[in-house]
Amino acid sequence: MSIAVEVDYERCQGHGKCMLECPEVFDEDEQGYPVVMLAAIPDELVPAVRACVDDCPERAISTH
């Protein structure tokens, strides 16, 4: 079962931890903010995405 990931851009400060931790899912836009590249996160990447959720200093990343 796959999950979806979302970034709250009102909270995100562009620290880039998610892009470093899981580049398969997060890319960078022109201003240095993360862009989610996959609509559905495959099972093998779920642990890395959950780690990004836990490690985000602004708590700007969520899954559903």
PDB file of N, CA and C in Angstrom:
ATOM      1  N   MET A   1       0.842  -1.192   0.000  1.00  0.00           N
ATOM      2  CA  MET A   1       0.000   0.000   0.000  1.00  0.00           C
ATOM      3  C   MET A   1       0.881   1.248   0.000  1.00  0.00           C
ATOM      4  N   SER A   2       0.673   2.136  -0.916  1.00  0.00           N
ATOM      5  CA  SER A   2       1.477   3.348  -1.003  1.00  0.00           C
ATOM      6  C   SER A   2       0.802   4.477  -0.222  1.00  0.00           C
ATOM      7  N   ILE A   3       1.585   5.493   0.060  1.00  0.00           N
ATOM      8  CA  ILE A   3       1.084   6.673   0.751  1.00  0.00           C
ATOM      9  C   ILE A   3       1.331   7.893  -0.121  1.00  0.00           C
ATOM     10  N   ALA A   4       0.715   8.995   0.246  1.00  0.00           N
ATOM     11  CA  ALA A   4       0.960  10.275  -0.419  1.00  0.00           C
ATOM     12  C   ALA A   4       1.657  11.187   0.587  1.00  0.00           C
ATOM     13  N   VAL A   5       2.471  12.102   0.096  1.00  0.00           N
ATOM     14  CA  VAL A   5       3.191  13.032   0.961  1.00  0.00           C
ATOM     15  C   VAL A   5       2.872  14.452   0.519  1.00  0.00           C
ATOM     16  N   GLU A   6       2.832  15.344   1.497  1.00  0.00           N
ATOM     17  CA  GLU A   6       2.474  16.735   1.219  1.00  0.00           C
ATOM     18  C   GLU A   6       3.393  17.656   2.017  1.00  0.00           C
ATOM     19  N   VAL A   7       3.742  18.785   1.426  1.00  0.00           N
ATOM     20  CA  VAL A   7       4.558  19.797   2.097  1.00  0.00           C
ATOM     21  C   VAL A   7       3.685  21.023   2.333  1.00  0.00           C
ATOM     22  N   ASP A   8       3.659  21.495   3.572  1.00  0.00           N
ATOM     23  CA  ASP A   8       2.948  22.720   3.927  1.00  0.00           C
ATOM     24  C   ASP A   8       3.924  23.884   3.708  1.00  0.00           C
ATOM     25  N   TYR A   9       3.731  24.602   2.615  1.00  0.00           N
ATOM     26  CA  TYR A   9       4.669  25.658   2.245  1.00  0.00           C
ATOM     27  C   TYR A   9       4.563  26.897   3.125  1.00  0.00           C
ATOM     28  N   GLU A  10       3.530  26.997   3.927  1.00  0.00           N
ATOM     29  CA  GLU A  10       3.445  28.095   4.883  1.00  0.00           C
ATOM     30  C   GLU A  10       4.336  27.834   6.087  1.00  0.00           C
ATOM     31  N   ARG A  11       4.627  26.553   6.360  1.00  0.00           N
ATOM     32  CA  ARG A  11       5.500  26.184   7.467  1.00  0.00           C
ATOM     33  C   ARG A  11       6.936  25.960   7.021  1.00  0.00           C
ATOM     34  N   CYS A  12       7.129  25.451   5.817  1.00  0.00           N
ATOM     35  CA  CYS A  12       8.455  25.083   5.322  1.00  0.00           C
ATOM     36  C   CYS A  12       9.365  26.302   5.258  1.00  0.00           C
ATOM     37  N   GLN A  13      10.593  26.114   5.737  1.00  0.00           N
ATOM     38  CA  GLN A  13      11.599  27.176   5.696  1.00  0.00           C
ATOM     39  C   GLN A  13      12.733  26.851   4.729  1.00  0.00           C
ATOM     40  N   GLY A  14      12.612  25.728   3.997  1.00  0.00           N
ATOM     41  CA  GLY A  14      13.598  25.381   2.982  1.00  0.00           C
ATOM     42  C   GLY A  14      14.913  24.873   3.537  1.00  0.00           C
ATOM     43  N   HIS A  15      14.879  24.193   4.679  1.00  0.00           N
ATOM     44  CA  HIS A  15      16.111  23.649   5.265  1.00  0.00           C
ATOM     45  C   HIS A  15      16.766  22.606   4.356  1.00  0.00           C
ATOM     46  N   GLY A  16      15.958  21.866   3.601  1.00  0.00           N
ATOM     47  CA  GLY A  16      16.492  20.905   2.635  1.00  0.00           C
ATOM     48  C   GLY A  16      16.797  19.525   3.179  1.00  0.00           C
ATOM     49  N   LYS A  17      16.492  19.269   4.442  1.00  0.00           N
ATOM     50  CA  LYS A  17      16.770  17.954   5.021  1.00  0.00           C
ATOM     51  C   LYS A  17      16.042  16.849   4.257  1.00  0.00           C
ATOM     52  N   CYS A  18      14.815  17.094   3.864  1.00  0.00           N
ATOM     53  CA  CYS A  18      14.041  16.073   3.148  1.00  0.00           C
ATOM     54  C   CYS A  18      14.666  15.756   1.789  1.00  0.00           C
ATOM     55  N   MET A  19      15.176  16.783   1.123  1.00  0.00           N
ATOM     56  CA  MET A  19      15.782  16.582  -0.195  1.00  0.00           C
ATOM     57  C   MET A  19      17.074  15.776  -0.092  1.00  0.00           C
ATOM     58  N   LEU A  20      17.803  15.971   0.990  1.00  0.00           N
ATOM     59  CA  LEU A  20      19.029  15.208   1.210  1.00  0.00           C
ATOM     60  C   LEU A  20      18.735  13.778   1.644  1.00  0.00           C
ATOM     61  N   GLU A  21      17.714  13.629   2.482  1.00  0.00           N
ATOM     62  CA  GLU A  21      17.403  12.314   3.045  1.00  0.00           C
ATOM     63  C   GLU A  21      16.681  11.401   2.057  1.00  0.00           C
ATOM     64  N   CYS A  22      15.884  11.978   1.185  1.00  0.00           N
ATOM     65  CA  CYS A  22      15.101  11.149   0.259  1.00  0.00           C
ATOM     66  C   CYS A  22      14.977  11.827  -1.117  1.00  0.00           C
ATOM     67  N   PRO A  23      16.089  11.892  -1.862  1.00  0.00           N
ATOM     68  CA  PRO A  23      16.061  12.573  -3.165  1.00  0.00           C
ATOM     69  C   PRO A  23      15.203  11.860  -4.201  1.00  0.00           C
ATOM     70  N   GLU A  24      14.820  10.617  -3.947  1.00  0.00           N
ATOM     71  CA  GLU A  24      13.927   9.898  -4.864  1.00  0.00           C
ATOM     72  C   GLU A  24      12.521  10.493  -4.834  1.00  0.00           C
ATOM     73  N   VAL A  25      12.187  11.183  -3.738  1.00  0.00           N
ATOM     74  CA  VAL A  25      10.840  11.738  -3.567  1.00  0.00           C
ATOM     75  C   VAL A  25      10.842  13.263  -3.638  1.00  0.00           C
ATOM     76  N   PHE A  26      11.851  13.912  -3.038  1.00  0.00           N
ATOM     77  CA  PHE A  26      11.872  15.363  -2.934  1.00  0.00           C
ATOM     78  C   PHE A  26      12.939  15.968  -3.847  1.00  0.00           C
ATOM     79  N   ASP A  27      12.523  16.944  -4.640  1.00  0.00           N
ATOM     80  CA  ASP A  27      13.437  17.720  -5.458  1.00  0.00           C
ATOM     81  C   ASP A  27      13.353  19.163  -4.971  1.00  0.00           C
ATOM     82  N   GLU A  28      14.116  20.042  -5.579  1.00  0.00           N
ATOM     83  CA  GLU A  28      14.201  21.438  -5.154  1.00  0.00           C
ATOM     84  C   GLU A  28      13.663  22.360  -6.243  1.00  0.00           C
ATOM     85  N   ASP A  29      12.846  23.349  -5.838  1.00  0.00           N
ATOM     86  CA  ASP A  29      12.389  24.335  -6.813  1.00  0.00           C
ATOM     87  C   ASP A  29      13.406  25.469  -6.918  1.00  0.00           C
ATOM     88  N   GLU A  30      13.098  26.493  -7.697  1.00  0.00           N
ATOM     89  CA  GLU A  30      14.029  27.593  -7.955  1.00  0.00           C
ATOM     90  C   GLU A  30      14.386  28.386  -6.695  1.00  0.00           C
ATOM     91  N   GLN A  31      13.501  28.382  -5.704  1.00  0.00           N
ATOM     92  CA  GLN A  31      13.740  29.116  -4.467  1.00  0.00           C
ATOM     93  C   GLN A  31      14.344  28.249  -3.362  1.00  0.00           C
ATOM     94  N   GLY A  32      14.601  26.972  -3.648  1.00  0.00           N
ATOM     95  CA  GLY A  32      15.203  26.086  -2.664  1.00  0.00           C
ATOM     96  C   GLY A  32      14.226  25.333  -1.797  1.00  0.00           C
ATOM     97  N   TYR A  33      12.958  25.356  -2.164  1.00  0.00           N
ATOM     98  CA  TYR A  33      11.941  24.638  -1.402  1.00  0.00           C
ATOM     99  C   TYR A  33      11.695  23.268  -2.029  1.00  0.00           C
ATOM    100  N   PRO A  34      11.267  22.297  -1.208  1.00  0.00           N
ATOM    101  CA  PRO A  34      11.064  20.952  -1.734  1.00  0.00           C
ATOM    102  C   PRO A  34       9.836  20.849  -2.632  1.00  0.00           C
ATOM    103  N   VAL A  35       9.981  19.990  -3.618  1.00  0.00           N
ATOM    104  CA  VAL A  35       8.880  19.643  -4.519  1.00  0.00           C
ATOM    105  C   VAL A  35       8.731  18.127  -4.435  1.00  0.00           C
ATOM    106  N   VAL A  36       7.505  17.664  -4.195  1.00  0.00           N
ATOM    107  CA  VAL A  36       7.240  16.228  -4.151  1.00  0.00           C
ATOM    108  C   VAL A  36       7.108  15.740  -5.585  1.00  0.00           C
ATOM    109  N   MET A  37       7.946  14.780  -5.952  1.00  0.00           N
ATOM    110  CA  MET A  37       7.986  14.317  -7.344  1.00  0.00           C
ATOM    111  C   MET A  37       7.077  13.126  -7.624  1.00  0.00           C
ATOM    112  N   LEU A  38       6.580  12.463  -6.585  1.00  0.00           N
ATOM    113  CA  LEU A  38       5.752  11.270  -6.781  1.00  0.00           C
ATOM    114  C   LEU A  38       4.382  11.465  -6.156  1.00  0.00           C
ATOM    115  N   ALA A  39       3.334  11.179  -6.910  1.00  0.00           N
ATOM    116  CA  ALA A  39       1.976  11.296  -6.379  1.00  0.00           C
ATOM    117  C   ALA A  39       1.707  10.228  -5.319  1.00  0.00           C
ATOM    118  N   ALA A  40       2.246   9.051  -5.523  1.00  0.00           N
ATOM    119  CA  ALA A  40       2.108   7.954  -4.568  1.00  0.00           C
ATOM    120  C   ALA A  40       3.502   7.425  -4.251  1.00  0.00           C
ATOM    121  N   ILE A  41       3.790   7.301  -2.988  1.00  0.00           N
ATOM    122  CA  ILE A  41       5.107   6.845  -2.550  1.00  0.00           C
ATOM    123  C   ILE A  41       5.122   5.320  -2.516  1.00  0.00           C
ATOM    124  N   PRO A  42       6.025   4.677  -3.259  1.00  0.00           N
ATOM    125  CA  PRO A  42       6.078   3.217  -3.247  1.00  0.00           C
ATOM    126  C   PRO A  42       6.535   2.694  -1.881  1.00  0.00           C
ATOM    127  N   ASP A  43       6.133   1.490  -1.590  1.00  0.00           N
ATOM    128  CA  ASP A  43       6.401   0.885  -0.283  1.00  0.00           C
ATOM    129  C   ASP A  43       7.861   0.955   0.132  1.00  0.00           C
ATOM    130  N   GLU A  44       8.775   0.747  -0.791  1.00  0.00           N
ATOM    131  CA  GLU A  44      10.195   0.720  -0.420  1.00  0.00           C
ATOM    132  C   GLU A  44      10.724   2.086   0.019  1.00  0.00           C
ATOM    133  N   LEU A  45      10.022   3.175  -0.335  1.00  0.00           N
ATOM    134  CA  LEU A  45      10.452   4.513   0.062  1.00  0.00           C
ATOM    135  C   LEU A  45       9.707   5.055   1.278  1.00  0.00           C
ATOM    136  N   VAL A  46       8.689   4.333   1.732  1.00  0.00           N
ATOM    137  CA  VAL A  46       7.883   4.794   2.869  1.00  0.00           C
ATOM    138  C   VAL A  46       8.739   5.030   4.118  1.00  0.00           C
ATOM    139  N   PRO A  47       9.646   4.128   4.498  1.00  0.00           N
ATOM    140  CA  PRO A  47      10.459   4.411   5.695  1.00  0.00           C
ATOM    141  C   PRO A  47      11.275   5.710   5.575  1.00  0.00           C
ATOM    142  N   ALA A  48      11.824   5.974   4.421  1.00  0.00           N
ATOM    143  CA  ALA A  48      12.598   7.203   4.222  1.00  0.00           C
ATOM    144  C   ALA A  48      11.704   8.438   4.306  1.00  0.00           C
ATOM    145  N   VAL A  49      10.503   8.358   3.744  1.00  0.00           N
ATOM    146  CA  VAL A  49       9.575   9.490   3.807  1.00  0.00           C
ATOM    147  C   VAL A  49       9.125   9.721   5.247  1.00  0.00           C
ATOM    148  N   ARG A  50       8.843   8.652   5.972  1.00  0.00           N
ATOM    149  CA  ARG A  50       8.450   8.800   7.385  1.00  0.00           C
ATOM    150  C   ARG A  50       9.595   9.424   8.195  1.00  0.00           C
ATOM    151  N   ALA A  51      10.820   9.092   7.867  1.00  0.00           N
ATOM    152  CA  ALA A  51      11.967   9.707   8.530  1.00  0.00           C
ATOM    153  C   ALA A  51      12.017  11.203   8.219  1.00  0.00           C
ATOM    154  N   CYS A  52      11.689  11.576   6.999  1.00  0.00           N
ATOM    155  CA  CYS A  52      11.644  12.991   6.626  1.00  0.00           C
ATOM    156  C   CYS A  52      10.569  13.724   7.425  1.00  0.00           C
ATOM    157  N   VAL A  53       9.424  13.098   7.588  1.00  0.00           N
ATOM    158  CA  VAL A  53       8.341  13.691   8.390  1.00  0.00           C
ATOM    159  C   VAL A  53       8.849  13.935   9.808  1.00  0.00           C
ATOM    160  N   ASP A  54       9.491  12.932  10.389  1.00  0.00           N
ATOM    161  CA  ASP A  54       9.984  13.038  11.766  1.00  0.00           C
ATOM    162  C   ASP A  54      11.114  14.045  11.910  1.00  0.00           C
ATOM    163  N   ASP A  55      11.950  14.178  10.889  1.00  0.00           N
ATOM    164  CA  ASP A  55      13.136  15.034  10.960  1.00  0.00           C
ATOM    165  C   ASP A  55      12.902  16.477  10.534  1.00  0.00           C
ATOM    166  N   CYS A  56      11.750  16.774   9.969  1.00  0.00           N
ATOM    167  CA  CYS A  56      11.498  18.137   9.487  1.00  0.00           C
ATOM    168  C   CYS A  56      11.443  19.104  10.672  1.00  0.00           C
ATOM    169  N   PRO A  57      12.338  20.101  10.713  1.00  0.00           N
ATOM    170  CA  PRO A  57      12.376  21.028  11.845  1.00  0.00           C
ATOM    171  C   PRO A  57      11.119  21.875  11.972  1.00  0.00           C
ATOM    172  N   GLU A  58      10.416  22.088  10.882  1.00  0.00           N
ATOM    173  CA  GLU A  58       9.219  22.917  10.894  1.00  0.00           C
ATOM    174  C   GLU A  58       7.924  22.110  10.934  1.00  0.00           C
ATOM    175  N   ARG A  59       8.059  20.769  10.913  1.00  0.00           N
ATOM    176  CA  ARG A  59       6.879  19.882  10.872  1.00  0.00           C
ATOM    177  C   ARG A  59       5.986  20.236   9.685  1.00  0.00           C
ATOM    178  N   ALA A  60       6.640  20.467   8.542  1.00  0.00           N
ATOM    179  CA  ALA A  60       5.937  20.895   7.332  1.00  0.00           C
ATOM    180  C   ALA A  60       5.583  19.757   6.402  1.00  0.00           C
ATOM    181  N   ILE A  61       6.032  18.549   6.713  1.00  0.00           N
ATOM    182  CA  ILE A  61       5.777  17.404   5.831  1.00  0.00           C
ATOM    183  C   ILE A  61       4.779  16.472   6.507  1.00  0.00           C
ATOM    184  N   SER A  62       3.788  16.031   5.733  1.00  0.00           N
ATOM    185  CA  SER A  62       2.809  15.075   6.262  1.00  0.00           C
ATOM    186  C   SER A  62       2.532  14.007   5.233  1.00  0.00           C
ATOM    187  N   THR A  63       2.024  12.883   5.717  1.00  0.00           N
ATOM    188  CA  THR A  63       1.639  11.780   4.832  1.00  0.00           C
ATOM    189  C   THR A  63       0.177  11.456   5.048  1.00  0.00           C
ATOM    190  N   HIS A  64      -0.409  10.851   4.028  1.00  0.00           N
ATOM    191  CA  HIS A  64      -1.803  10.383   4.134  1.00  0.00           C
ATOM    192  C   HIS A  64      -2.036   9.297   3.130  1.00  0.00           C
TER     193      HIS A  64
END
